[in-house]
């Protein structure tokens, strides 16, 4: 019998690209692109050019892209899904820096509290994107029938 289930990599939310533009008045615009089942989704967010707002904006842009992917899969109108950033924080532990992301995922009357974390080996922005995807990936896949 042929294997009709997607492989783990096909069904996971994958980080595709990240762009940062400097806007007017010390603002930065983050554009995050993710891939899910071969389709790309883009999210954007703008924030003040300060450390904490920038991390919140990159996580928010990632959540927007994830939400777009989910809405397309749930386009029959059965239910709506909202992903809301609860917070982003850089934490020191075990002689390393980690980015911790907390998210609220709302579907109908159900609210799930999600969290993800990633070591900041390359950049804090990239770590925030990966932590956001880690927080949401399993919940997203579990809510698409």
N, C-alpha and C. Protein backbone atom coordinates (compact mmCIF):
# COMPACT_ATOMS: atom_id res chain seq x y z
N UNK A 1 0.85 -1.18 0.00
CA UNK A 1 0.00 0.00 0.00
C UNK A 1 0.89 1.24 0.00
N UNK A 2 0.66 2.24 -0.88
CA UNK A 2 1.51 3.42 -0.94
C UNK A 2 1.34 4.29 0.30
N UNK A 3 2.43 4.97 0.64
CA UNK A 3 2.42 5.88 1.79
C UNK A 3 1.79 7.20 1.37
N UNK A 4 0.59 7.50 1.88
CA UNK A 4 -0.09 8.73 1.49
C UNK A 4 0.04 9.82 2.54
N UNK A 5 0.64 9.50 3.69
CA UNK A 5 0.86 10.52 4.72
C UNK A 5 2.06 11.37 4.32
N UNK A 6 1.99 12.70 4.57
CA UNK A 6 3.15 13.52 4.28
C UNK A 6 4.28 13.18 5.24
N UNK A 7 5.51 13.37 4.79
CA UNK A 7 6.63 13.14 5.69
C UNK A 7 6.64 14.24 6.74
N UNK A 8 7.41 14.03 7.79
CA UNK A 8 7.46 15.00 8.89
C UNK A 8 7.88 16.38 8.39
N UNK A 9 8.85 16.44 7.49
CA UNK A 9 9.32 17.72 6.99
C UNK A 9 8.27 18.42 6.11
N UNK A 10 7.45 17.66 5.41
CA UNK A 10 6.43 18.27 4.56
C UNK A 10 5.32 18.90 5.38
N UNK A 11 4.99 18.31 6.51
CA UNK A 11 3.85 18.81 7.27
C UNK A 11 4.24 19.86 8.31
N UNK A 12 5.51 20.04 8.56
CA UNK A 12 5.96 21.01 9.56
C UNK A 12 5.99 22.42 8.97
N UNK A 13 5.82 23.40 9.85
CA UNK A 13 6.01 24.79 9.46
C UNK A 13 7.51 25.03 9.35
N UNK A 14 7.96 25.53 8.20
CA UNK A 14 9.39 25.71 7.96
C UNK A 14 9.72 27.18 7.76
N UNK A 15 10.82 27.61 8.36
CA UNK A 15 11.32 28.97 8.17
C UNK A 15 11.92 29.06 6.78
N UNK A 16 11.51 30.09 6.03
CA UNK A 16 11.98 30.25 4.66
C UNK A 16 12.91 31.46 4.51
N UNK A 17 12.44 32.65 4.94
CA UNK A 17 13.30 33.83 4.84
C UNK A 17 12.86 34.92 5.81
N UNK A 18 13.79 35.86 6.03
CA UNK A 18 13.53 36.99 6.92
C UNK A 18 14.22 38.22 6.33
N UNK A 19 13.47 39.31 6.24
CA UNK A 19 14.03 40.57 5.75
C UNK A 19 13.70 41.67 6.75
N UNK A 20 14.65 42.59 6.91
CA UNK A 20 14.45 43.74 7.79
C UNK A 20 14.70 45.00 6.99
N UNK A 21 13.77 45.94 7.07
CA UNK A 21 13.93 47.23 6.40
C UNK A 21 13.85 48.33 7.45
N UNK A 22 14.71 49.33 7.30
CA UNK A 22 14.62 50.49 8.17
C UNK A 22 13.58 51.43 7.58
N UNK A 23 12.62 51.77 8.41
CA UNK A 23 11.54 52.66 7.99
C UNK A 23 11.86 54.07 8.51
N UNK A 24 10.94 54.96 8.31
CA UNK A 24 11.10 56.32 8.80
C UNK A 24 11.05 56.36 10.33
N UNK A 25 11.57 57.40 10.90
CA UNK A 25 11.46 57.67 12.34
C UNK A 25 11.86 56.50 13.23
N UNK A 26 13.02 55.92 12.96
CA UNK A 26 13.55 54.85 13.81
C UNK A 26 12.64 53.64 13.93
N UNK A 27 11.97 53.30 12.86
CA UNK A 27 11.11 52.13 12.81
C UNK A 27 11.79 51.07 11.95
N UNK A 28 11.54 49.81 12.28
CA UNK A 28 12.01 48.71 11.44
C UNK A 28 10.81 47.85 11.05
N UNK A 29 10.87 47.34 9.85
CA UNK A 29 9.80 46.48 9.34
C UNK A 29 10.38 45.08 9.12
N UNK A 30 9.77 44.10 9.75
CA UNK A 30 10.20 42.71 9.59
C UNK A 30 9.24 42.01 8.64
N UNK A 31 9.81 41.25 7.73
CA UNK A 31 9.03 40.43 6.80
C UNK A 31 9.52 39.01 6.95
N UNK A 32 8.63 38.11 7.39
CA UNK A 32 8.99 36.72 7.63
C UNK A 32 8.20 35.85 6.67
N UNK A 33 8.90 34.94 6.01
CA UNK A 33 8.26 34.02 5.09
C UNK A 33 8.47 32.60 5.60
N UNK A 34 7.36 31.86 5.69
CA UNK A 34 7.42 30.46 6.10
C UNK A 34 6.87 29.60 4.98
N UNK A 35 7.14 28.32 5.08
CA UNK A 35 6.61 27.37 4.09
C UNK A 35 5.89 26.27 4.84
N UNK A 36 4.74 25.90 4.29
CA UNK A 36 3.98 24.79 4.87
C UNK A 36 3.37 23.99 3.73
N UNK A 37 3.72 22.73 3.66
CA UNK A 37 3.23 21.83 2.61
C UNK A 37 3.45 22.40 1.21
N UNK A 38 4.62 23.00 1.00
CA UNK A 38 4.99 23.49 -0.32
C UNK A 38 4.47 24.87 -0.68
N UNK A 39 3.73 25.53 0.22
CA UNK A 39 3.20 26.86 -0.06
C UNK A 39 3.86 27.86 0.89
N UNK A 40 4.22 29.03 0.36
CA UNK A 40 4.84 30.07 1.17
C UNK A 40 3.81 31.06 1.68
N UNK A 41 4.01 31.53 2.90
CA UNK A 41 3.13 32.51 3.55
C UNK A 41 4.01 33.60 4.16
N UNK A 42 3.56 34.84 4.04
CA UNK A 42 4.34 35.99 4.49
C UNK A 42 3.60 36.74 5.58
N UNK A 43 4.34 37.15 6.60
CA UNK A 43 3.82 38.01 7.65
C UNK A 43 4.73 39.21 7.80
N UNK A 44 4.14 40.34 8.16
CA UNK A 44 4.93 41.57 8.33
C UNK A 44 4.51 42.27 9.61
N UNK A 45 5.48 42.95 10.23
CA UNK A 45 5.21 43.74 11.42
C UNK A 45 6.25 44.85 11.52
N UNK A 46 5.84 45.99 12.03
CA UNK A 46 6.71 47.15 12.19
C UNK A 46 6.80 47.50 13.66
N UNK A 47 7.99 47.95 14.09
CA UNK A 47 8.18 48.33 15.49
C UNK A 47 9.29 49.37 15.61
N UNK A 48 9.40 49.93 16.79
CA UNK A 48 10.50 50.86 17.07
C UNK A 48 11.82 50.11 17.00
N UNK A 49 12.85 50.80 16.58
CA UNK A 49 14.17 50.19 16.43
C UNK A 49 14.86 50.10 17.80
N UNK A 50 14.26 49.29 18.67
CA UNK A 50 14.78 49.03 20.01
C UNK A 50 14.78 47.52 20.22
N UNK A 51 15.65 47.00 21.08
CA UNK A 51 15.79 45.54 21.20
C UNK A 51 14.48 44.78 21.46
N UNK A 52 13.73 45.12 22.47
CA UNK A 52 12.53 44.35 22.79
C UNK A 52 11.43 44.50 21.74
N UNK A 53 11.09 45.73 21.32
CA UNK A 53 10.07 45.85 20.26
C UNK A 53 10.45 45.15 18.96
N UNK A 54 11.74 45.14 18.61
CA UNK A 54 12.16 44.45 17.39
C UNK A 54 11.92 42.95 17.50
N UNK A 55 12.23 42.36 18.66
CA UNK A 55 11.98 40.92 18.84
C UNK A 55 10.49 40.63 18.82
N UNK A 56 9.69 41.49 19.43
CA UNK A 56 8.25 41.30 19.42
C UNK A 56 7.71 41.40 17.99
N UNK A 57 8.25 42.32 17.21
CA UNK A 57 7.79 42.48 15.83
C UNK A 57 8.14 41.28 14.97
N UNK A 58 9.33 40.72 15.13
CA UNK A 58 9.70 39.56 14.32
C UNK A 58 8.84 38.36 14.70
N UNK A 59 8.52 38.20 15.99
CA UNK A 59 7.64 37.11 16.41
C UNK A 59 6.22 37.34 15.90
N UNK A 60 5.76 38.58 15.94
CA UNK A 60 4.42 38.91 15.45
C UNK A 60 4.31 38.66 13.95
N UNK A 61 5.34 39.03 13.20
CA UNK A 61 5.35 38.78 11.76
C UNK A 61 5.29 37.27 11.47
N UNK A 62 6.00 36.50 12.28
CA UNK A 62 5.98 35.04 12.12
C UNK A 62 4.58 34.50 12.42
N UNK A 63 3.96 34.99 13.49
CA UNK A 63 2.60 34.55 13.83
C UNK A 63 1.60 34.92 12.74
N UNK A 64 1.78 36.09 12.13
CA UNK A 64 0.88 36.49 11.03
C UNK A 64 0.99 35.51 9.86
N UNK A 65 2.21 35.11 9.54
CA UNK A 65 2.40 34.14 8.45
C UNK A 65 1.78 32.80 8.80
N UNK A 66 1.95 32.35 10.03
CA UNK A 66 1.36 31.08 10.47
C UNK A 66 -0.16 31.16 10.43
N UNK A 67 -0.70 32.28 10.88
CA UNK A 67 -2.16 32.47 10.87
C UNK A 67 -2.71 32.43 9.45
N UNK A 68 -2.00 33.04 8.51
CA UNK A 68 -2.42 33.01 7.10
C UNK A 68 -2.45 31.57 6.58
N UNK A 69 -1.42 30.81 6.93
CA UNK A 69 -1.38 29.41 6.49
C UNK A 69 -2.55 28.64 7.07
N UNK A 70 -2.84 28.86 8.33
CA UNK A 70 -3.95 28.17 8.97
C UNK A 70 -5.29 28.56 8.37
N UNK A 71 -5.50 29.84 8.14
CA UNK A 71 -6.78 30.30 7.60
C UNK A 71 -7.03 29.72 6.22
N UNK A 72 -5.96 29.57 5.43
CA UNK A 72 -6.13 28.96 4.10
C UNK A 72 -6.58 27.50 4.23
N UNK A 73 -6.02 26.79 5.18
CA UNK A 73 -6.40 25.39 5.38
C UNK A 73 -7.80 25.26 5.96
N UNK A 74 -8.24 26.28 6.70
CA UNK A 74 -9.56 26.25 7.34
C UNK A 74 -10.54 27.16 6.60
N UNK A 75 -10.35 27.35 5.30
CA UNK A 75 -11.13 28.32 4.53
C UNK A 75 -12.61 27.96 4.41
N UNK A 76 -12.98 26.78 4.81
CA UNK A 76 -14.39 26.42 4.71
C UNK A 76 -15.24 27.14 5.76
N UNK A 77 -14.60 27.94 6.64
CA UNK A 77 -15.34 28.75 7.60
C UNK A 77 -15.82 28.00 8.83
N UNK A 78 -15.35 26.77 9.00
CA UNK A 78 -15.78 26.00 10.17
C UNK A 78 -15.40 26.69 11.48
N UNK A 79 -14.23 27.27 11.51
CA UNK A 79 -13.79 27.95 12.72
C UNK A 79 -12.71 28.96 12.35
N UNK A 80 -12.55 29.94 13.20
CA UNK A 80 -11.47 30.89 12.98
C UNK A 80 -10.38 30.63 14.02
N UNK A 81 -9.19 31.03 13.69
CA UNK A 81 -8.05 30.84 14.57
C UNK A 81 -7.34 32.17 14.73
N UNK A 82 -6.97 32.49 15.97
CA UNK A 82 -6.22 33.70 16.25
C UNK A 82 -4.99 33.32 17.05
N UNK A 83 -3.84 33.80 16.61
CA UNK A 83 -2.60 33.61 17.34
C UNK A 83 -2.15 34.97 17.88
N UNK A 84 -1.89 35.04 19.16
CA UNK A 84 -1.54 36.30 19.79
C UNK A 84 -0.24 36.15 20.58
N UNK A 85 0.68 37.05 20.35
CA UNK A 85 1.95 37.02 21.06
C UNK A 85 1.74 37.43 22.51
N UNK A 86 2.18 36.60 23.42
CA UNK A 86 2.12 36.92 24.84
C UNK A 86 3.40 37.61 25.28
N UNK A 87 4.53 37.22 24.69
CA UNK A 87 5.79 37.87 25.02
C UNK A 87 6.98 37.17 24.40
N UNK A 88 8.08 37.92 24.33
CA UNK A 88 9.37 37.41 23.85
C UNK A 88 10.42 37.88 24.84
N UNK A 89 11.31 36.99 25.20
CA UNK A 89 12.35 37.37 26.15
C UNK A 89 13.63 36.62 25.84
N UNK A 90 14.76 37.31 26.00
CA UNK A 90 16.06 36.68 25.90
C UNK A 90 16.46 36.31 27.33
N UNK A 91 16.78 35.03 27.53
CA UNK A 91 17.13 34.55 28.86
C UNK A 91 18.52 33.91 28.83
N UNK A 92 19.25 34.06 29.93
CA UNK A 92 20.55 33.43 30.09
C UNK A 92 20.38 32.15 30.89
N UNK A 93 20.91 31.05 30.35
CA UNK A 93 20.88 29.78 31.07
C UNK A 93 21.99 28.89 30.51
N UNK A 94 22.65 28.17 31.40
CA UNK A 94 23.67 27.20 30.98
C UNK A 94 24.75 27.84 30.11
N UNK A 95 25.16 29.05 30.46
CA UNK A 95 26.21 29.77 29.74
C UNK A 95 25.86 30.06 28.29
N UNK A 96 24.57 30.14 28.01
CA UNK A 96 24.09 30.48 26.66
C UNK A 96 22.95 31.46 26.77
N UNK A 97 22.60 32.07 25.64
CA UNK A 97 21.42 32.92 25.57
C UNK A 97 20.35 32.20 24.76
N UNK A 98 19.13 32.26 25.26
CA UNK A 98 17.99 31.64 24.60
C UNK A 98 16.93 32.70 24.36
N UNK A 99 16.17 32.53 23.28
CA UNK A 99 14.98 33.36 23.07
C UNK A 99 13.78 32.50 23.41
N UNK A 100 12.95 33.02 24.32
CA UNK A 100 11.74 32.34 24.76
C UNK A 100 10.54 33.10 24.24
N UNK A 101 9.61 32.40 23.60
CA UNK A 101 8.41 33.02 23.03
C UNK A 101 7.18 32.35 23.63
N UNK A 102 6.23 33.18 24.08
CA UNK A 102 4.95 32.68 24.60
C UNK A 102 3.83 33.19 23.69
N UNK A 103 2.90 32.29 23.36
CA UNK A 103 1.82 32.59 22.42
C UNK A 103 0.50 32.08 22.97
N UNK A 104 -0.57 32.83 22.71
CA UNK A 104 -1.93 32.34 22.96
C UNK A 104 -2.51 31.93 21.61
N UNK A 105 -3.04 30.72 21.55
CA UNK A 105 -3.69 30.24 20.33
C UNK A 105 -5.16 30.05 20.64
N UNK A 106 -6.02 30.76 19.90
CA UNK A 106 -7.46 30.72 20.16
C UNK A 106 -8.19 30.14 18.96
N UNK A 107 -9.00 29.14 19.24
CA UNK A 107 -9.83 28.51 18.22
C UNK A 107 -11.21 28.31 18.83
N UNK A 108 -12.17 29.06 18.33
CA UNK A 108 -13.50 29.03 18.95
C UNK A 108 -13.40 29.55 20.37
N UNK A 109 -13.86 28.76 21.32
CA UNK A 109 -13.80 29.15 22.74
C UNK A 109 -12.56 28.60 23.44
N UNK A 110 -11.78 27.81 22.74
CA UNK A 110 -10.59 27.20 23.33
C UNK A 110 -9.39 28.13 23.22
N UNK A 111 -8.65 28.24 24.31
CA UNK A 111 -7.41 29.02 24.34
C UNK A 111 -6.28 28.10 24.80
N UNK A 112 -5.24 28.02 24.00
CA UNK A 112 -4.07 27.22 24.36
C UNK A 112 -2.90 28.15 24.61
N UNK A 113 -2.14 27.86 25.64
CA UNK A 113 -0.92 28.62 25.93
C UNK A 113 0.25 27.82 25.38
N UNK A 114 0.99 28.44 24.48
CA UNK A 114 2.09 27.75 23.80
C UNK A 114 3.41 28.45 24.11
N UNK A 115 4.50 27.71 24.06
CA UNK A 115 5.82 28.30 24.29
C UNK A 115 6.85 27.59 23.42
N UNK A 116 7.86 28.34 23.02
CA UNK A 116 8.97 27.78 22.27
C UNK A 116 10.24 28.48 22.67
N UNK A 117 11.35 27.81 22.52
CA UNK A 117 12.64 28.41 22.85
C UNK A 117 13.71 27.92 21.88
N UNK A 118 14.68 28.79 21.62
CA UNK A 118 15.77 28.47 20.72
C UNK A 118 17.04 29.17 21.20
N UNK A 119 18.17 28.50 21.07
CA UNK A 119 19.47 29.09 21.39
C UNK A 119 19.77 30.18 20.38
N UNK A 120 20.36 31.28 20.81
CA UNK A 120 20.68 32.39 19.90
C UNK A 120 22.09 32.22 19.34
N UNK A 121 22.30 31.18 18.55
CA UNK A 121 23.60 30.95 17.95
C UNK A 121 23.93 31.99 16.88
N UNK A 122 22.98 32.30 16.02
CA UNK A 122 23.25 33.21 14.91
C UNK A 122 22.78 34.63 15.21
N UNK A 123 21.48 34.80 15.34
CA UNK A 123 20.94 36.12 15.63
C UNK A 123 19.70 35.99 16.50
N UNK A 124 19.39 37.03 17.24
CA UNK A 124 18.20 37.02 18.08
C UNK A 124 16.94 37.00 17.23
N UNK A 125 16.95 37.70 16.09
CA UNK A 125 15.78 37.69 15.21
C UNK A 125 15.49 36.29 14.72
N UNK A 126 16.50 35.62 14.22
CA UNK A 126 16.33 34.25 13.72
C UNK A 126 15.86 33.33 14.85
N UNK A 127 16.45 33.48 16.02
CA UNK A 127 16.04 32.66 17.17
C UNK A 127 14.58 32.91 17.53
N UNK A 128 14.13 34.17 17.45
CA UNK A 128 12.73 34.49 17.75
C UNK A 128 11.79 33.84 16.74
N UNK A 129 12.18 33.83 15.47
CA UNK A 129 11.37 33.17 14.44
C UNK A 129 11.27 31.67 14.72
N UNK A 130 12.40 31.04 14.97
CA UNK A 130 12.42 29.60 15.20
C UNK A 130 11.68 29.22 16.49
N UNK A 131 11.81 30.03 17.53
CA UNK A 131 11.09 29.76 18.78
C UNK A 131 9.58 29.92 18.57
N UNK A 132 9.17 30.90 17.77
CA UNK A 132 7.75 31.10 17.47
C UNK A 132 7.20 29.92 16.68
N UNK A 133 7.95 29.45 15.71
CA UNK A 133 7.52 28.27 14.94
C UNK A 133 7.48 27.03 15.83
N UNK A 134 8.45 26.90 16.72
CA UNK A 134 8.43 25.77 17.64
C UNK A 134 7.20 25.81 18.54
N UNK A 135 6.85 27.00 19.00
CA UNK A 135 5.68 27.14 19.87
C UNK A 135 4.39 26.77 19.16
N UNK A 136 4.27 27.10 17.90
CA UNK A 136 2.99 26.96 17.20
C UNK A 136 2.86 25.71 16.34
N UNK A 137 3.96 25.12 15.92
CA UNK A 137 3.92 24.05 14.91
C UNK A 137 3.02 22.88 15.29
N UNK A 138 3.23 22.28 16.42
CA UNK A 138 2.45 21.09 16.79
C UNK A 138 0.98 21.45 16.99
N UNK A 139 0.70 22.61 17.58
CA UNK A 139 -0.70 23.03 17.78
C UNK A 139 -1.38 23.24 16.43
N UNK A 140 -0.69 23.89 15.50
CA UNK A 140 -1.25 24.15 14.18
C UNK A 140 -1.57 22.84 13.48
N UNK A 141 -0.61 21.93 13.45
CA UNK A 141 -0.83 20.65 12.77
C UNK A 141 -1.95 19.84 13.43
N UNK A 142 -2.11 19.99 14.74
CA UNK A 142 -3.15 19.28 15.45
C UNK A 142 -4.54 19.85 15.24
N UNK A 143 -4.63 21.10 14.74
CA UNK A 143 -5.91 21.75 14.55
C UNK A 143 -6.38 21.77 13.11
N UNK A 144 -5.63 21.15 12.22
CA UNK A 144 -6.04 21.04 10.82
C UNK A 144 -6.43 19.59 10.58
N UNK A 145 -7.67 19.40 10.25
CA UNK A 145 -8.17 18.03 10.02
C UNK A 145 -7.81 17.54 8.65
